Structures are given as structure tokens and as C-alpha cells.
Protein backbone atom coordinates (compact mmCIF):
# COMPACT_ATOMS: atom_id res chain seq x y z
CA MET A 1 -0.07 -0.02 -0.11
CA ASN A 2 1.19 3.51 -0.87
CA PHE A 3 -0.32 5.56 1.87
CA GLU A 4 3.13 6.56 3.32
CA SER A 5 3.70 8.95 0.47
CA LEU A 6 0.26 10.86 0.94
CA PRO A 7 0.44 14.13 2.98
CA ARG A 8 -0.53 13.48 6.60
CA LEU A 9 -0.61 15.50 9.66
CA GLN A 10 -0.05 13.55 12.98
CA LEU A 11 -2.97 14.26 15.16
CA ALA A 12 -3.97 11.13 17.07
CA GLN A 13 -2.30 9.36 20.04
CA LEU A 14 -1.95 5.85 18.55
CA PRO A 15 -2.39 2.91 18.97
CA THR A 16 -5.59 3.25 20.88
CA PRO A 17 -6.25 0.51 23.49
CA LEU A 18 -7.72 -2.90 22.72
CA MET A 19 -9.54 -4.26 25.91
CA ARG A 20 -11.56 -7.23 26.95
CA LEU A 21 -14.83 -6.48 28.42
CA GLY A 22 -14.63 -9.20 31.10
CA ARG A 23 -17.31 -8.17 33.54
CA LEU A 24 -19.89 -7.56 30.76
CA THR A 25 -19.06 -10.75 28.96
CA ARG A 26 -19.78 -12.78 32.26
CA LYS A 27 -22.97 -10.90 32.86
CA LEU A 28 -24.20 -11.70 29.45
CA GLY A 29 -22.96 -15.34 29.34
CA GLY A 30 -20.99 -14.68 26.14
CA PRO A 31 -19.76 -14.10 23.46
CA GLN A 32 -16.32 -12.82 24.49
CA LEU A 33 -16.48 -9.12 24.19
CA TRP A 34 -13.69 -6.72 23.26
CA ILE A 35 -13.60 -2.90 22.74
CA LYS A 36 -11.35 -0.74 20.60
CA ARG A 37 -11.06 2.57 22.32
CA ASP A 38 -11.10 5.15 19.68
CA ASP A 39 -12.64 7.41 22.31
CA GLN A 40 -9.17 7.81 23.32
CA THR A 41 -7.42 9.12 20.20
CA GLY A 42 -6.56 12.17 22.21
CA LEU A 43 -7.50 15.19 20.06
CA ALA A 44 -10.05 17.37 21.75
CA LEU A 45 -11.45 14.45 24.02
CA GLY A 46 -11.03 11.90 21.38
CA GLY A 47 -13.06 10.16 18.66
CA ASN A 48 -12.84 8.32 15.30
CA LYS A 49 -12.80 11.40 13.09
CA VAL A 50 -9.12 12.25 13.88
CA ARG A 51 -7.75 9.18 12.02
CA LYS A 52 -9.67 10.56 8.93
CA LEU A 53 -8.48 14.18 9.64
CA GLU A 54 -4.80 13.20 9.49
CA PHE A 55 -5.08 12.55 5.98
CA LEU A 56 -7.64 15.27 5.00
CA VAL A 57 -5.78 18.08 6.90
CA GLY A 58 -2.42 16.76 5.42
CA ALA A 59 -4.17 17.22 1.92
CA ALA A 60 -5.41 20.78 2.90
CA LEU A 61 -2.04 21.76 3.95
CA ALA A 62 -0.38 20.32 0.86
CA GLN A 63 -2.71 22.45 -1.15
CA GLY A 64 -1.89 25.67 0.75
CA ALA A 65 -5.40 25.87 2.34
CA ASP A 66 -5.70 28.34 5.19
CA THR A 67 -9.31 27.35 6.31
CA LEU A 68 -11.10 24.22 6.89
CA VAL A 69 -14.80 24.11 6.12
CA THR A 70 -17.14 21.35 7.29
CA LEU A 71 -20.68 20.73 8.29
CA GLY A 72 -22.75 18.66 10.66
CA ALA A 73 -25.38 18.57 13.40
CA VAL A 74 -25.33 20.82 16.49
CA GLN A 75 -23.41 18.07 18.53
CA SER A 76 -21.30 16.90 15.59
CA ASN A 77 -18.27 15.01 16.86
CA HIS A 78 -16.68 15.39 13.49
CA CYS A 79 -17.04 19.24 13.69
CA ARG A 80 -15.37 19.43 17.03
CA GLN A 81 -12.45 17.40 15.90
CA THR A 82 -12.26 19.34 12.74
CA ALA A 83 -12.08 22.60 14.87
CA ALA A 84 -9.34 20.99 16.93
CA ALA A 85 -7.33 19.74 13.93
CA ALA A 86 -7.62 23.39 12.42
CA ALA A 87 -6.19 24.76 15.78
CA VAL A 88 -3.31 22.23 15.72
CA ALA A 89 -2.60 23.11 12.20
CA GLY A 90 -2.80 26.78 12.62
CA LEU A 91 -5.84 27.14 10.30
CA SER A 92 -9.18 28.92 10.65
CA CYS A 93 -12.31 26.69 10.80
CA GLU A 94 -15.79 27.44 9.53
CA LEU A 95 -18.62 25.19 10.68
CA LEU A 96 -22.10 24.77 9.12
CA LEU A 97 -24.39 23.43 11.87
CA ASN A 98 -28.06 22.34 11.44
CA GLY A 99 -30.66 24.25 13.35
CA ARG A 100 -30.57 27.37 15.51
CA PRO A 101 -28.25 28.59 18.35
CA PRO A 102 -29.40 27.19 21.63
CA GLU A 103 -29.84 29.39 24.68
CA CYS A 104 -26.61 27.91 26.24
CA SER A 105 -23.75 26.30 24.35
CA ASN A 106 -22.96 22.81 25.66
CA GLY A 107 -21.35 19.55 24.84
CA ASN A 108 -19.68 19.67 21.44
CA LEU A 109 -20.84 23.01 20.60
CA LEU A 110 -19.23 24.59 23.63
CA LEU A 111 -16.03 22.82 22.64
CA ASP A 112 -16.37 24.23 18.90
CA GLU A 113 -16.48 27.63 20.30
CA LEU A 114 -13.58 27.30 22.82
CA LEU A 115 -11.53 25.95 19.80
CA GLY A 116 -12.13 29.18 17.94
CA ALA A 117 -14.38 27.80 15.08
CA THR A 118 -16.79 30.26 13.43
CA VAL A 119 -20.32 28.80 13.41
CA HIS A 120 -22.89 29.36 10.75
CA TRP A 121 -26.47 28.13 11.51
CA ILE A 122 -28.48 26.70 8.56
CA GLU A 123 -31.36 24.45 7.90
CA ARG A 124 -30.25 20.99 7.03
CA ALA A 125 -32.08 21.17 3.54
CA GLN A 126 -29.79 24.21 2.74
CA ARG A 127 -26.57 22.28 3.15
CA ALA A 128 -25.42 22.09 -0.27
CA GLU A 129 -26.43 25.79 -1.22
CA LYS A 130 -25.00 27.23 1.95
CA LEU A 131 -21.75 25.37 1.63
CA ARG A 132 -21.30 26.66 -1.97
CA GLN A 133 -22.13 30.30 -0.72
CA LEU A 134 -19.64 30.08 2.15
CA GLU A 135 -16.86 28.74 -0.11
CA THR A 136 -17.49 31.45 -2.50
CA GLU A 137 -17.51 34.23 0.03
CA LEU A 138 -14.22 33.01 1.59
CA CYS A 139 -12.49 32.91 -1.76
CA ARG A 140 -13.83 36.35 -2.48
CA LYS A 141 -12.19 37.61 0.79
CA GLY A 142 -8.87 36.05 -0.32
CA ALA A 143 -8.92 32.83 1.90
CA LYS A 144 -8.06 29.48 0.58
CA PRO A 145 -10.73 27.13 2.03
CA TYR A 146 -10.58 23.28 2.00
CA VAL A 147 -13.95 21.59 2.27
CA ILE A 148 -14.25 18.41 4.36
CA PRO A 149 -17.42 16.32 3.75
CA VAL A 150 -19.75 15.33 6.49
CA GLY A 151 -17.98 13.10 8.88
CA GLY A 152 -14.89 13.23 6.93
CA SER A 153 -16.24 10.45 4.83
CA ASN A 154 -14.68 10.06 1.44
CA GLY A 155 -11.96 7.91 -0.22
CA LEU A 156 -9.23 9.93 1.40
CA GLY A 157 -10.66 10.08 4.75
CA ALA A 158 -11.57 6.47 4.85
CA LEU A 159 -7.76 5.73 4.60
CA GLY A 160 -7.58 6.44 8.31
CA TYR A 161 -9.43 3.17 8.99
CA VAL A 162 -7.44 1.10 6.48
CA VAL A 163 -4.36 2.09 8.63
CA ALA A 164 -6.46 1.50 11.81
CA MET A 165 -7.12 -2.13 10.73
CA GLN A 166 -3.44 -2.71 10.43
CA GLU A 167 -3.21 -1.47 14.05
CA LEU A 168 -5.84 -3.82 15.18
CA GLN A 169 -4.29 -6.92 13.55
CA ALA A 170 -0.93 -6.06 15.32
CA GLN A 171 -2.62 -5.74 18.58
CA LEU A 172 -4.60 -9.05 18.06
CA ARG A 173 -1.30 -10.79 17.23
CA ALA A 174 0.30 -9.37 20.32
CA HIS A 175 -2.67 -10.72 22.43
CA GLY A 176 -2.55 -14.09 20.68
CA SER A 177 -6.30 -13.66 19.95
CA ARG A 178 -8.76 -13.49 17.20
CA VAL A 179 -12.03 -11.46 16.58
CA ASP A 180 -14.94 -13.27 14.78
CA HIS A 181 -17.04 -10.05 14.48
CA LEU A 182 -16.31 -6.30 14.44
CA VAL A 183 -19.37 -4.13 15.05
CA VAL A 184 -19.28 -0.24 14.61
CA ALA A 185 -21.69 2.63 14.40
CA SER A 186 -22.26 3.67 10.76
CA SER A 187 -23.74 6.78 9.23
CA SER A 188 -21.72 8.80 6.81
CA GLY A 189 -20.04 5.51 5.98
CA GLY A 190 -16.26 6.54 5.91
CA THR A 191 -15.32 4.77 8.99
CA GLN A 192 -16.92 1.41 7.77
CA ALA A 193 -15.58 1.85 4.24
CA GLY A 194 -12.08 2.03 5.53
CA MET A 195 -12.48 -0.80 7.79
CA VAL A 196 -13.84 -3.07 5.04
CA LEU A 197 -11.05 -2.26 2.84
CA GLY A 198 -8.49 -2.38 5.49
CA ALA A 199 -9.81 -5.80 6.67
CA ARG A 200 -9.11 -7.19 3.26
CA LEU A 201 -5.63 -5.57 3.03
CA ALA A 202 -4.59 -6.57 6.44
CA GLY A 203 -5.93 -10.10 6.35
CA PHE A 204 -8.47 -9.57 9.07
CA ALA A 205 -10.76 -12.63 8.89
CA GLY A 206 -13.79 -11.40 10.95
CA ARG A 207 -16.96 -10.04 9.61
CA VAL A 208 -17.27 -6.27 9.78
CA THR A 209 -20.89 -5.06 10.47
CA GLY A 210 -22.02 -1.53 10.60
CA ILE A 211 -24.95 -0.61 12.78
CA SER A 212 -27.05 1.93 10.87
CA ILE A 213 -27.85 4.75 13.43
CA ASP A 214 -30.14 6.82 11.17
CA ARG A 215 -31.80 4.33 8.80
CA ASN A 216 -34.33 1.61 9.51
CA ASP A 217 -34.06 -0.24 6.26
CA PRO A 218 -31.51 -0.61 3.45
CA GLY A 219 -33.47 1.49 0.95
CA GLY A 220 -32.66 -0.65 -1.98
CA PHE A 221 -28.99 -1.08 -1.00
CA GLU A 222 -28.13 2.42 -1.82
CA TYR A 223 -26.15 2.85 1.43
CA GLU A 224 -24.16 -0.49 0.87
CA ASP A 225 -23.40 0.84 -2.61
CA GLU A 226 -22.22 4.06 -1.21
CA VAL A 227 -19.78 2.57 1.31
CA ALA A 228 -18.43 0.07 -1.28
CA GLN A 229 -17.65 2.91 -3.68
CA MET A 230 -15.96 4.92 -1.01
CA ALA A 231 -13.85 1.88 -0.19
CA THR A 232 -13.03 1.48 -3.81
CA ASP A 233 -12.09 5.15 -4.17
CA CYS A 234 -9.97 4.76 -1.13
CA ALA A 235 -8.17 1.80 -2.84
CA ARG A 236 -7.39 3.89 -5.72
CA GLN A 237 -5.75 6.54 -3.48
CA ILE A 238 -3.21 4.02 -2.36
CA GLY A 239 -2.61 2.28 -5.76
CA SER A 240 -4.52 -0.81 -4.68
CA ALA A 241 -6.46 -2.89 -7.32
CA GLU A 242 -9.20 -3.91 -4.73
CA ARG A 243 -12.76 -3.23 -5.97
CA LEU A 244 -15.48 -3.64 -3.43
CA THR A 245 -19.19 -4.22 -4.04
CA ARG A 246 -22.18 -4.02 -1.77
CA ALA A 247 -21.85 -7.62 -1.19
CA ASP A 248 -18.73 -6.74 0.82
CA VAL A 249 -20.64 -4.24 3.09
CA HIS A 250 -22.65 -5.72 5.96
CA VAL A 251 -25.23 -3.41 7.70
CA ALA A 252 -27.67 -3.96 10.52
CA TYR A 253 -30.85 -1.97 10.26
CA GLY A 254 -33.96 -1.24 12.43
CA TYR A 255 -32.34 0.66 15.27
CA ARG A 256 -33.18 4.19 14.32
CA GLY A 257 -35.60 4.61 17.13
CA GLY A 258 -36.94 8.07 17.32
CA GLY A 259 -34.68 9.39 14.85
CA TYR A 260 -31.20 10.81 14.47
CA GLY A 261 -29.96 12.24 17.74
CA VAL A 262 -33.19 11.23 19.63
CA LEU A 263 -32.35 9.43 22.89
CA GLY A 264 -34.37 6.45 23.51
CA GLU A 265 -34.47 3.58 26.02
CA LEU A 266 -32.12 1.46 23.93
CA GLU A 267 -29.38 4.08 24.22
CA ARG A 268 -30.13 4.81 27.87
CA GLN A 269 -29.79 1.27 28.86
CA ALA A 270 -26.54 0.65 26.78
CA ILE A 271 -25.02 3.85 28.19
CA ARG A 272 -25.65 2.88 31.72
CA LEU A 273 -24.76 -0.79 31.47
CA LEU A 274 -21.22 -0.18 29.89
CA ALA A 275 -20.66 2.66 32.53
CA ARG A 276 -21.59 0.53 35.46
CA GLU A 277 -20.02 -2.73 34.42
CA GLU A 278 -16.74 -1.36 32.72
CA GLY A 279 -16.44 2.31 33.56
CA ILE A 280 -16.62 3.31 29.92
CA PHE A 281 -18.81 6.11 28.56
CA LEU A 282 -20.74 5.77 25.33
CA ASP A 283 -22.32 8.79 23.50
CA PRO A 284 -26.13 9.22 22.94
CA VAL A 285 -26.09 9.46 19.25
CA TYR A 286 -23.76 6.91 17.73
CA THR A 287 -22.00 4.48 20.02
CA GLY A 288 -24.96 4.46 22.52
CA ARG A 289 -27.25 3.40 19.75
CA ALA A 290 -24.84 1.08 18.13
CA PHE A 291 -23.92 -0.67 21.53
CA GLY A 292 -27.49 -1.00 22.37
CA ALA A 293 -28.12 -2.69 18.97
CA LEU A 294 -25.04 -5.02 19.69
CA LEU A 295 -26.72 -6.04 23.00
CA ASP A 296 -29.95 -6.75 21.25
CA LEU A 297 -28.23 -8.87 18.59
CA ILE A 298 -26.50 -10.90 21.37
CA ARG A 299 -29.67 -11.40 23.17
CA LYS A 300 -31.45 -12.64 19.89
CA GLY A 301 -28.63 -15.24 19.50
CA GLN A 302 -27.00 -13.62 16.44
CA PHE A 303 -23.46 -14.58 17.86
CA GLN A 304 -22.40 -18.00 19.11
CA ARG A 305 -21.42 -18.05 22.75
CA ASP A 306 -17.77 -19.15 21.97
CA GLU A 307 -17.27 -16.46 19.41
CA SER A 308 -15.45 -13.06 20.03
CA VAL A 309 -17.06 -9.81 19.19
CA LEU A 310 -15.15 -6.42 19.00
CA PHE A 311 -16.94 -3.23 19.52
CA TRP A 312 -15.23 -0.31 17.96
CA HIS A 313 -15.74 2.73 20.14
CA THR A 314 -15.82 5.83 17.98
CA GLY A 315 -16.15 8.37 20.82
CA GLY A 316 -18.53 11.30 21.28
CA ALA A 317 -18.83 11.36 25.11
CA PRO A 318 -19.04 15.29 25.04
CA ALA A 319 -22.44 14.97 23.67
CA LEU A 320 -23.62 13.38 27.00
CA PHE A 321 -23.79 16.64 28.60
CA ALA A 322 -26.15 18.13 26.09
CA GLN A 323 -28.60 15.26 26.91
CA ALA A 324 -28.27 15.61 30.69
CA ARG A 325 -32.06 15.88 31.49
CA GLU A 326 -32.82 12.76 29.23
CA LEU A 327 -29.97 10.77 30.78
CA ALA A 328 -30.48 11.84 34.41
CA VAL A 329 -31.24 8.78 36.77
CA PRO A 330 -34.43 9.50 38.76
CA PRO A 331 -34.21 9.67 42.57
CA ARG A 332 -34.94 6.63 44.39
CA GLY A 333 -38.79 6.09 44.73
CA GLN A 334 -39.48 7.82 41.64
CA PRO A 335 -40.32 6.19 38.29
């Protein structure tokens, strides 16, 4: 693979820990559970986006950009880490966030502001138009913007998780262990695309399954096609002849609940369970939903008791503070 020659800015603290979830495994009676702690990548309280941003910001610097531009939800982990990456690289950062400014900034939004990002509030349906307008305006003012897609998800960004799968393989060899299933939250698709390609290139034999956190059905396989195309684009970036199809992409649906970012009982139970059994915090949007789905799949017998399942923690804990009321535990004696 020819990724060493691509521009890259070191941002993450790697490798991230690979840990057994011993207490939870015993509580559930199997399968053997592992967790990969990309919530501990280091940059601005951690998360998976920093692996993508190492290559994306590297490309921005190589092109002479002075401003990073990206977009997302109010509590976007990607926007937080992009703002942090911009600070490290000495670049300006412009964020297009869905919705209206809240009365009080908290969670990721507070961190965006502390990191010095300029926030523009838009309606989600206006994303493409507002992004074009902002890019044009920045250029008119003499800036050199570099636009990063939602979630950092494109062929270049996915490369971060091709490299991550090599990291995982090295850790598993050191442990003398194997993983039969890898489960990860999936939305914009870049993390899963990199994992699927990376698994093939690194010789990882387990099945990679993305938990769709914002779709309840495959919708005619468009999402699988999208992830496969991103993985193929990533392969081209590094001179690999690998070509992936939707048959290579496995996604579990049916866990959208009340919608994107809407906290439900699935997420509440998963967040509390992992915190109380293992002292690890999930987030309310991505990992809480994906881990809740994993627990549901375990209870439904989707995995053999003697198999090993790795949950890839993609971070996002700062968003917990924006959902304090919804997550608060009632006082004893109250429902």
C-alpha cells in the first residue's frame, strides 16, 4: 500500500487501547466481548474522526489551504475534531451546523466555540447551497478554503481506517487472540468503508458489521453501494487494485428509534450498562445506539457463545452533557 507517500498530519495518539470487556461478558454469558477505544485518540477529547482528519488536513496543508470548512449536526463530533485539527494546524475553521443557536452552548458546541471555530447556523435542507455560498464568500475575501465532507467521509478520509485495521491486527497478534465479528456505528460511511477495505488488505478474517444509526431499512441497497464505492475510491488513493461491491458491506438496520440524535431507552440502557459494568462512557447519538443494537443482537442469538465480538468505540462522550436531562437517573422512589 502506498499511503506513506500521501500528505498526513499527525493528530492522534496511537495505537488506541484494545480491551476485553470481562465483567460484561460474564454478565451476558458470552460471546467474548472486546472494545477498541477510539474514544481515546486524544485530540479534543478523542473520537474516530481524527484518524480521517490526519489525511484530510494533510491534503489541505499540501494544497496551501488556510481554512477548513465542514458541516454537521449541532452536537457533531466530526465538527469538534475538525475545529481542533484546524487549531493544531494553525488554520481557521468554519462550521455549518444544522438548526438554530441554543440558549446555552454545551457539549460539542461549547468545545467548537472554545476551539475558535466560526459557526454558521443553517437548515439541513440548505446544506449544499450554503456550503457553496460560504466557499465562494471565503474565496472572495482572499481565503483558501478546503472543504471536508460530512463525517470526513470520502475515499481519502477512509484511509484512516485502512491504517487502523493494520493497527488492530498487530494488537490481536500481540494478544494471541482472534475476533470473529467487528461491530461499529455507521452513518456517513467513511469509517466502515475504511474498515472493510482495511480488513481485506490486512488479512482480518472477522466479519465487519455497521450498525445503521439513522436508517431503519437498506432502501434498495443504496447505502451499501455508497460505502463500497467509498472503499474502492480509497483503494485507488493508495494504488490498490481492490474493488469492493455492496456484497462486501454488511449493515444491521432497525435501530433508528425516534430518529437521528433522539435518545431512547435502547441508548439509555446501553450507556448505563457499559458505564456501570466497565467504567466506559458511550455517547447518546452513535455509540450508545450501536452498542444497544449489539446487546440486542446478542440477546437474539446472532452470535455464538464461544465467538469473540469487538465493538469499535468511535467516541462522542461530550454529547452526553447536552442530553443531561434525558440521561439523568430518577431519585429513588420515583419512576
